[in-house]
Amino acid sequence: MQDMGKVMGIVSKELAGQADGKTISSIVKAKLSS
């Protein structure tokens, strides 16, 4: 989870306009906590 900000920044920039931030956040959180 300490790397969530780094991952969110990259993914959000890559998927700009194609995905909702809330959806991206929940997927990143699920992947990093497992």
PDB file of all heavy atoms in Angstrom:
ATOM      1  N   MET A   1       0.811  -1.217   0.000  1.00  0.00           N
ATOM      2  CA  MET A   1       0.000   0.000   0.000  1.00  0.00           C
ATOM      3  C   MET A   1       0.849   1.273   0.000  1.00  0.00           C
ATOM      4  O   MET A   1       0.386   2.316  -0.438  1.00  0.00           O
ATOM      5  CB  MET A   1      -0.957  -0.002   1.198  1.00  0.00           C
ATOM      6  CG  MET A   1      -2.066  -1.036   1.094  1.00  0.00           C
ATOM      7  SD  MET A   1      -3.057  -0.889  -0.407  1.00  0.00           S
ATOM      8  CE  MET A   1      -3.943   0.617  -0.051  1.00  0.00           C
ATOM      9  N   GLN A   2       2.094   1.186   0.491  1.00  0.00           N
ATOM     10  CA  GLN A   2       2.960   2.377   0.505  1.00  0.00           C
ATOM     11  C   GLN A   2       3.277   2.847  -0.913  1.00  0.00           C
ATOM     12  O   GLN A   2       3.667   3.987  -1.106  1.00  0.00           O
ATOM     13  CB  GLN A   2       4.253   2.119   1.308  1.00  0.00           C
ATOM     14  CG  GLN A   2       5.233   1.162   0.652  1.00  0.00           C
ATOM     15  CD  GLN A   2       4.985  -0.308   1.000  1.00  0.00           C
ATOM     16  OE1 GLN A   2       3.948  -0.654   1.545  1.00  0.00           O
ATOM     17  NE2 GLN A   2       5.941  -1.159   0.676  1.00  0.00           N
ATOM     18  N   ASP A   3       3.100   1.975  -1.899  1.00  0.00           N
ATOM     19  CA  ASP A   3       3.376   2.322  -3.294  1.00  0.00           C
ATOM     20  C   ASP A   3       2.115   2.739  -4.061  1.00  0.00           C
ATOM     21  O   ASP A   3       2.165   2.941  -5.271  1.00  0.00           O
ATOM     22  CB  ASP A   3       4.015   1.134  -4.014  1.00  0.00           C
ATOM     23  CG  ASP A   3       5.369   0.766  -3.436  1.00  0.00           C
ATOM     24  OD1 ASP A   3       6.128   1.699  -3.104  1.00  0.00           O
ATOM     25  OD2 ASP A   3       5.654  -0.437  -3.309  1.00  0.00           O
ATOM     26  N   MET A   4       0.998   2.874  -3.371  1.00  0.00           N
ATOM     27  CA  MET A   4      -0.266   3.173  -4.046  1.00  0.00           C
ATOM     28  C   MET A   4      -0.208   4.499  -4.808  1.00  0.00           C
ATOM     29  O   MET A   4      -0.681   4.587  -5.934  1.00  0.00           O
ATOM     30  CB  MET A   4      -1.432   3.188  -3.063  1.00  0.00           C
ATOM     31  CG  MET A   4      -2.753   3.424  -3.750  1.00  0.00           C
ATOM     32  SD  MET A   4      -4.125   2.982  -2.720  1.00  0.00           S
ATOM     33  CE  MET A   4      -5.472   3.465  -3.764  1.00  0.00           C
ATOM     34  N   GLY A   5       0.359   5.514  -4.205  1.00  0.00           N
ATOM     35  CA  GLY A   5       0.431   6.826  -4.861  1.00  0.00           C
ATOM     36  C   GLY A   5       1.192   6.775  -6.168  1.00  0.00           C
ATOM     37  O   GLY A   5       0.783   7.366  -7.172  1.00  0.00           O
ATOM     38  N   LYS A   6       2.311   6.051  -6.155  1.00  0.00           N
ATOM     39  CA  LYS A   6       3.145   5.934  -7.356  1.00  0.00           C
ATOM     40  C   LYS A   6       2.362   5.219  -8.465  1.00  0.00           C
ATOM     41  O   LYS A   6       2.326   5.684  -9.607  1.00  0.00           O
ATOM     42  CB  LYS A   6       4.421   5.161  -7.003  1.00  0.00           C
ATOM     43  CG  LYS A   6       5.356   4.952  -8.161  1.00  0.00           C
ATOM     44  CD  LYS A   6       6.723   4.372  -7.793  1.00  0.00           C
ATOM     45  CE  LYS A   6       6.714   3.300  -6.757  1.00  0.00           C
ATOM     46  NZ  LYS A   6       8.021   2.635  -6.598  1.00  0.00           N
ATOM     47  N   VAL A   7       1.717   4.113  -8.115  1.00  0.00           N
ATOM     48  CA  VAL A   7       0.958   3.332  -9.095  1.00  0.00           C
ATOM     49  C   VAL A   7      -0.241   4.136  -9.602  1.00  0.00           C
ATOM     50  O   VAL A   7      -0.497   4.190 -10.812  1.00  0.00           O
ATOM     51  CB  VAL A   7       0.498   1.983  -8.489  1.00  0.00           C
ATOM     52  CG1 VAL A   7      -0.412   1.238  -9.454  1.00  0.00           C
ATOM     53  CG2 VAL A   7       1.698   1.119  -8.125  1.00  0.00           C
ATOM     54  N   MET A   8      -0.956   4.787  -8.692  1.00  0.00           N
ATOM     55  CA  MET A   8      -2.129   5.589  -9.079  1.00  0.00           C
ATOM     56  C   MET A   8      -1.740   6.693 -10.058  1.00  0.00           C
ATOM     57  O   MET A   8      -2.447   6.943 -11.038  1.00  0.00           O
ATOM     58  CB  MET A   8      -2.792   6.224  -7.852  1.00  0.00           C
ATOM     59  CG  MET A   8      -3.723   5.319  -7.089  1.00  0.00           C
ATOM     60  SD  MET A   8      -5.157   4.812  -8.041  1.00  0.00           S
ATOM     61  CE  MET A   8      -5.989   6.372  -8.320  1.00  0.00           C
ATOM     62  N   GLY A   9      -0.618   7.361  -9.795  1.00  0.00           N
ATOM     63  CA  GLY A   9      -0.182   8.441 -10.669  1.00  0.00           C
ATOM     64  C   GLY A   9       0.065   7.969 -12.086  1.00  0.00           C
ATOM     65  O   GLY A   9      -0.386   8.593 -13.055  1.00  0.00           O
ATOM     66  N   ILE A  10       0.764   6.855 -12.203  1.00  0.00           N
ATOM     67  CA  ILE A  10       1.097   6.321 -13.530  1.00  0.00           C
ATOM     68  C   ILE A  10      -0.152   5.841 -14.258  1.00  0.00           C
ATOM     69  O   ILE A  10      -0.373   6.161 -15.427  1.00  0.00           O
ATOM     70  CB  ILE A  10       2.133   5.173 -13.408  1.00  0.00           C
ATOM     71  CG1 ILE A  10       3.455   5.723 -12.854  1.00  0.00           C
ATOM     72  CG2 ILE A  10       2.343   4.490 -14.752  1.00  0.00           C
ATOM     73  CD1 ILE A  10       4.442   4.663 -12.434  1.00  0.00           C
ATOM     74  N   VAL A  11      -0.991   5.052 -13.548  1.00  0.00           N
ATOM     75  CA  VAL A  11      -2.190   4.489 -14.178  1.00  0.00           C
ATOM     76  C   VAL A  11      -3.172   5.600 -14.550  1.00  0.00           C
ATOM     77  O   VAL A  11      -3.752   5.589 -15.641  1.00  0.00           O
ATOM     78  CB  VAL A  11      -2.866   3.439 -13.257  1.00  0.00           C
ATOM     79  CG1 VAL A  11      -4.192   2.981 -13.838  1.00  0.00           C
ATOM     80  CG2 VAL A  11      -1.951   2.246 -13.047  1.00  0.00           C
ATOM     81  N   SER A  12      -3.354   6.566 -13.654  1.00  0.00           N
ATOM     82  CA  SER A  12      -4.291   7.665 -13.936  1.00  0.00           C
ATOM     83  C   SER A  12      -3.866   8.456 -15.158  1.00  0.00           C
ATOM     84  O   SER A  12      -4.696   8.851 -15.979  1.00  0.00           O
ATOM     85  CB  SER A  12      -4.388   8.599 -12.732  1.00  0.00           C
ATOM     86  OG  SER A  12      -4.955   7.923 -11.636  1.00  0.00           O
ATOM     87  N   LYS A  13      -2.573   8.673 -15.304  1.00  0.00           N
ATOM     88  CA  LYS A  13      -2.063   9.420 -16.457  1.00  0.00           C
ATOM     89  C   LYS A  13      -2.267   8.603 -17.739  1.00  0.00           C
ATOM     90  O   LYS A  13      -2.670   9.137 -18.762  1.00  0.00           O
ATOM     91  CB  LYS A  13      -0.576   9.724 -16.255  1.00  0.00           C
ATOM     92  CG  LYS A  13      -0.053  10.823 -17.151  1.00  0.00           C
ATOM     93  CD  LYS A  13       1.366  11.189 -16.814  1.00  0.00           C
ATOM     94  CE  LYS A  13       1.384  12.100 -15.588  1.00  0.00           C
ATOM     95  NZ  LYS A  13       2.735  12.585 -15.279  1.00  0.00           N
ATOM     96  N   GLU A  14      -2.008   7.306 -17.657  1.00  0.00           N
ATOM     97  CA  GLU A  14      -2.123   6.435 -18.827  1.00  0.00           C
ATOM     98  C   GLU A  14      -3.572   6.281 -19.284  1.00  0.00           C
ATOM     99  O   GLU A  14      -3.852   6.203 -20.477  1.00  0.00           O
ATOM    100  CB  GLU A  14      -1.528   5.055 -18.507  1.00  0.00           C
ATOM    101  CG  GLU A  14      -1.394   4.172 -19.711  1.00  0.00           C
ATOM    102  CD  GLU A  14      -0.685   2.863 -19.384  1.00  0.00           C
ATOM    103  OE1 GLU A  14       0.151   2.832 -18.473  1.00  0.00           O
ATOM    104  OE2 GLU A  14      -0.999   1.870 -20.067  1.00  0.00           O
ATOM    105  N   LEU A  15      -4.497   6.217 -18.322  1.00  0.00           N
ATOM    106  CA  LEU A  15      -5.901   5.987 -18.655  1.00  0.00           C
ATOM    107  C   LEU A  15      -6.741   7.263 -18.594  1.00  0.00           C
ATOM    108  O   LEU A  15      -7.964   7.187 -18.466  1.00  0.00           O
ATOM    109  CB  LEU A  15      -6.499   4.945 -17.695  1.00  0.00           C
ATOM    110  CG  LEU A  15      -5.839   3.573 -17.680  1.00  0.00           C
ATOM    111  CD1 LEU A  15      -6.533   2.656 -16.698  1.00  0.00           C
ATOM    112  CD2 LEU A  15      -5.830   2.953 -19.065  1.00  0.00           C
ATOM    113  N   ALA A  16      -6.107   8.401 -18.695  1.00  0.00           N
ATOM    114  CA  ALA A  16      -6.807   9.680 -18.591  1.00  0.00           C
ATOM    115  C   ALA A  16      -8.019   9.731 -19.523  1.00  0.00           C
ATOM    116  O   ALA A  16      -7.903   9.513 -20.726  1.00  0.00           O
ATOM    117  CB  ALA A  16      -5.862  10.827 -18.906  1.00  0.00           C
ATOM    118  N   GLY A  17      -9.179   9.956 -18.941  1.00  0.00           N
ATOM    119  CA  GLY A  17     -10.404  10.074 -19.718  1.00  0.00           C
ATOM    120  C   GLY A  17     -11.058   8.756 -20.060  1.00  0.00           C
ATOM    121  O   GLY A  17     -12.199   8.720 -20.488  1.00  0.00           O
ATOM    122  N   GLN A  18     -10.347   7.653 -19.863  1.00  0.00           N
ATOM    123  CA  GLN A  18     -10.900   6.358 -20.233  1.00  0.00           C
ATOM    124  C   GLN A  18     -11.407   5.574 -19.037  1.00  0.00           C
ATOM    125  O   GLN A  18     -12.033   4.535 -19.207  1.00  0.00           O
ATOM    126  CB  GLN A  18      -9.841   5.530 -20.961  1.00  0.00           C
ATOM    127  CG  GLN A  18      -9.376   6.148 -22.251  1.00  0.00           C
ATOM    128  CD  GLN A  18      -8.273   5.332 -22.894  1.00  0.00           C
ATOM    129  OE1 GLN A  18      -7.367   4.856 -22.223  1.00  0.00           O
ATOM    130  NE2 GLN A  18      -8.356   5.159 -24.190  1.00  0.00           N
ATOM    131  N   ALA A  19     -11.116   6.067 -17.842  1.00  0.00           N
ATOM    132  CA  ALA A  19     -11.549   5.349 -16.646  1.00  0.00           C
ATOM    133  C   ALA A  19     -11.776   6.330 -15.507  1.00  0.00           C
ATOM    134  O   ALA A  19     -11.094   7.347 -15.407  1.00  0.00           O
ATOM    135  CB  ALA A  19     -10.509   4.308 -16.245  1.00  0.00           C
ATOM    136  N   ASP A  20     -12.703   5.987 -14.661  1.00  0.00           N
ATOM    137  CA  ASP A  20     -13.045   6.785 -13.496  1.00  0.00           C
ATOM    138  C   ASP A  20     -11.997   6.585 -12.405  1.00  0.00           C
ATOM    139  O   ASP A  20     -11.548   5.469 -12.163  1.00  0.00           O
ATOM    140  CB  ASP A  20     -14.437   6.317 -13.033  1.00  0.00           C
ATOM    141  CG  ASP A  20     -14.855   6.889 -11.718  1.00  0.00           C
ATOM    142  OD1 ASP A  20     -14.838   8.115 -11.579  1.00  0.00           O
ATOM    143  OD2 ASP A  20     -15.218   6.104 -10.826  1.00  0.00           O
ATOM    144  N   GLY A  21     -11.578   7.662 -11.768  1.00  0.00           N
ATOM    145  CA  GLY A  21     -10.540   7.595 -10.730  1.00  0.00           C
ATOM    146  C   GLY A  21     -10.907   6.677  -9.576  1.00  0.00           C
ATOM    147  O   GLY A  21     -10.057   5.991  -9.013  1.00  0.00           O
ATOM    148  N   LYS A  22     -12.184   6.652  -9.223  1.00  0.00           N
ATOM    149  CA  LYS A  22     -12.644   5.811  -8.118  1.00  0.00           C
ATOM    150  C   LYS A  22     -12.472   4.323  -8.460  1.00  0.00           C
ATOM    151  O   LYS A  22     -12.042   3.533  -7.628  1.00  0.00           O
ATOM    152  CB  LYS A  22     -14.122   6.111  -7.826  1.00  0.00           C
ATOM    153  CG  LYS A  22     -14.609   5.588  -6.494  1.00  0.00           C
ATOM    154  CD  LYS A  22     -16.089   5.881  -6.284  1.00  0.00           C
ATOM    155  CE  LYS A  22     -16.332   7.347  -6.033  1.00  0.00           C
ATOM    156  NZ  LYS A  22     -17.746   7.625  -5.687  1.00  0.00           N
ATOM    157  N   THR A  23     -12.764   3.970  -9.701  1.00  0.00           N
ATOM    158  CA  THR A  23     -12.612   2.585 -10.149  1.00  0.00           C
ATOM    159  C   THR A  23     -11.136   2.193 -10.158  1.00  0.00           C
ATOM    160  O   THR A  23     -10.766   1.118  -9.680  1.00  0.00           O
ATOM    161  CB  THR A  23     -13.204   2.407 -11.565  1.00  0.00           C
ATOM    162  OG1 THR A  23     -14.544   2.885 -11.567  1.00  0.00           O
ATOM    163  CG2 THR A  23     -13.177   0.955 -11.993  1.00  0.00           C
ATOM    164  N   ILE A  24     -10.294   3.077 -10.693  1.00  0.00           N
ATOM    165  CA  ILE A  24      -8.852   2.812 -10.722  1.00  0.00           C
ATOM    166  C   ILE A  24      -8.344   2.616  -9.295  1.00  0.00           C
ATOM    167  O   ILE A  24      -7.616   1.659  -9.008  1.00  0.00           O
ATOM    168  CB  ILE A  24      -8.082   3.963 -11.403  1.00  0.00           C
ATOM    169  CG1 ILE A  24      -8.457   4.059 -12.883  1.00  0.00           C
ATOM    170  CG2 ILE A  24      -6.574   3.765 -11.264  1.00  0.00           C
ATOM    171  CD1 ILE A  24      -7.900   5.289 -13.574  1.00  0.00           C
ATOM    172  N   SER A  25      -8.735   3.504  -8.401  1.00  0.00           N
ATOM    173  CA  SER A  25      -8.292   3.445  -7.005  1.00  0.00           C
ATOM    174  C   SER A  25      -8.674   2.127  -6.340  1.00  0.00           C
ATOM    175  O   SER A  25      -7.854   1.507  -5.665  1.00  0.00           O
ATOM    176  CB  SER A  25      -8.892   4.621  -6.231  1.00  0.00           C
ATOM    177  OG  SER A  25      -8.593   4.521  -4.865  1.00  0.00           O
ATOM    178  N   SER A  26      -9.913   1.691  -6.535  1.00  0.00           N
ATOM    179  CA  SER A  26     -10.344   0.445  -5.889  1.00  0.00           C
ATOM    180  C   SER A  26      -9.584  -0.761  -6.443  1.00  0.00           C
ATOM    181  O   SER A  26      -9.229  -1.671  -5.691  1.00  0.00           O
ATOM    182  CB  SER A  26     -11.858   0.253  -6.045  1.00  0.00           C
ATOM    183  OG  SER A  26     -12.216   0.076  -7.383  1.00  0.00           O
ATOM    184  N   ILE A  27      -9.296  -0.774  -7.741  1.00  0.00           N
ATOM    185  CA  ILE A  27      -8.545  -1.893  -8.327  1.00  0.00           C
ATOM    186  C   ILE A  27      -7.105  -1.885  -7.836  1.00  0.00           C
ATOM    187  O   ILE A  27      -6.548  -2.930  -7.480  1.00  0.00           O
ATOM    188  CB  ILE A  27      -8.628  -1.836  -9.871  1.00  0.00           C
ATOM    189  CG1 ILE A  27     -10.063  -2.125 -10.325  1.00  0.00           C
ATOM    190  CG2 ILE A  27      -7.662  -2.825 -10.511  1.00  0.00           C
ATOM    191  CD1 ILE A  27     -10.306  -1.921 -11.803  1.00  0.00           C
ATOM    192  N   VAL A  28      -6.467  -0.701  -7.801  1.00  0.00           N
ATOM    193  CA  VAL A  28      -5.086  -0.595  -7.325  1.00  0.00           C
ATOM    194  C   VAL A  28      -5.020  -1.052  -5.872  1.00  0.00           C
ATOM    195  O   VAL A  28      -4.134  -1.831  -5.493  1.00  0.00           O
ATOM    196  CB  VAL A  28      -4.541   0.848  -7.481  1.00  0.00           C
ATOM    197  CG1 VAL A  28      -3.229   1.010  -6.755  1.00  0.00           C
ATOM    198  CG2 VAL A  28      -4.381   1.201  -8.947  1.00  0.00           C
ATOM    199  N   LYS A  29      -5.958  -0.599  -5.071  1.00  0.00           N
ATOM    200  CA  LYS A  29      -5.990  -0.960  -3.655  1.00  0.00           C
ATOM    201  C   LYS A  29      -6.122  -2.481  -3.493  1.00  0.00           C
ATOM    202  O   LYS A  29      -5.422  -3.080  -2.683  1.00  0.00           O
ATOM    203  CB  LYS A  29      -7.183  -0.259  -2.973  1.00  0.00           C
ATOM    204  CG  LYS A  29      -7.031  -0.084  -1.485  1.00  0.00           C
ATOM    205  CD  LYS A  29      -8.170   0.731  -0.909  1.00  0.00           C
ATOM    206  CE  LYS A  29      -7.982   2.190  -1.231  1.00  0.00           C
ATOM    207  NZ  LYS A  29      -8.994   3.064  -0.637  1.00  0.00           N
ATOM    208  N   ALA A  30      -7.004  -3.095  -4.260  1.00  0.00           N
ATOM    209  CA  ALA A  30      -7.221  -4.536  -4.187  1.00  0.00           C
ATOM    210  C   ALA A  30      -5.949  -5.310  -4.585  1.00  0.00           C
ATOM    211  O   ALA A  30      -5.578  -6.301  -3.946  1.00  0.00           O
ATOM    212  CB  ALA A  30      -8.383  -4.960  -5.069  1.00  0.00           C
ATOM    213  N   LYS A  31      -5.285  -4.840  -5.650  1.00  0.00           N
ATOM    214  CA  LYS A  31      -4.089  -5.535  -6.135  1.00  0.00           C
ATOM    215  C   LYS A  31      -2.909  -5.381  -5.175  1.00  0.00           C
ATOM    216  O   LYS A  31      -2.132  -6.319  -4.991  1.00  0.00           O
ATOM    217  CB  LYS A  31      -3.691  -5.043  -7.541  1.00  0.00           C
ATOM    218  CG  LYS A  31      -4.671  -5.413  -8.608  1.00  0.00           C
ATOM    219  CD  LYS A  31      -4.704  -6.900  -8.798  1.00  0.00           C
ATOM    220  CE  LYS A  31      -5.754  -7.315  -9.780  1.00  0.00           C
ATOM    221  NZ  LYS A  31      -5.926  -8.756  -9.837  1.00  0.00           N
ATOM    222  N   LEU A  32      -2.750  -4.200  -4.584  1.00  0.00           N
ATOM    223  CA  LEU A  32      -1.613  -3.975  -3.696  1.00  0.00           C
ATOM    224  C   LEU A  32      -1.812  -4.592  -2.321  1.00  0.00           C
ATOM    225  O   LEU A  32      -0.827  -4.896  -1.637  1.00  0.00           O
ATOM    226  CB  LEU A  32      -1.333  -2.470  -3.554  1.00  0.00           C
ATOM    227  CG  LEU A  32      -0.748  -1.784  -4.779  1.00  0.00           C
ATOM    228  CD1 LEU A  32      -0.598  -0.296  -4.544  1.00  0.00           C
ATOM    229  CD2 LEU A  32       0.588  -2.393  -5.179  1.00  0.00           C
ATOM    230  N   SER A  33      -3.039  -4.776  -1.901  1.00  0.00           N
ATOM    231  CA  SER A  33      -3.268  -5.344  -0.574  1.00  0.00           C
ATOM    232  C   SER A  33      -3.323  -6.867  -0.596  1.00  0.00           C
ATOM    233  O   SER A  33      -3.340  -7.505   0.450  1.00  0.00           O
ATOM    234  CB  SER A  33      -4.564  -4.784   0.036  1.00  0.00           C
ATOM    235  OG  SER A  33      -5.672  -5.132  -0.755  1.00  0.00           O
ATOM    236  N   SER A  34      -3.338  -7.470  -1.782  1.00  0.00           N
ATOM    237  CA  SER A  34      -3.397  -8.944  -1.841  1.00  0.00           C
ATOM    238  C   SER A  34      -2.016  -9.561  -1.933  1.00  0.00           C
ATOM    239  O   SER A  34      -1.042  -8.957  -2.211  1.00  0.00           O
ATOM    240  CB  SER A  34      -4.233  -9.391  -3.044  1.00  0.00           C
ATOM    241  OG  SER A  34      -3.683  -8.921  -4.241  1.00  0.00           O
TER     242      SER A  34
END
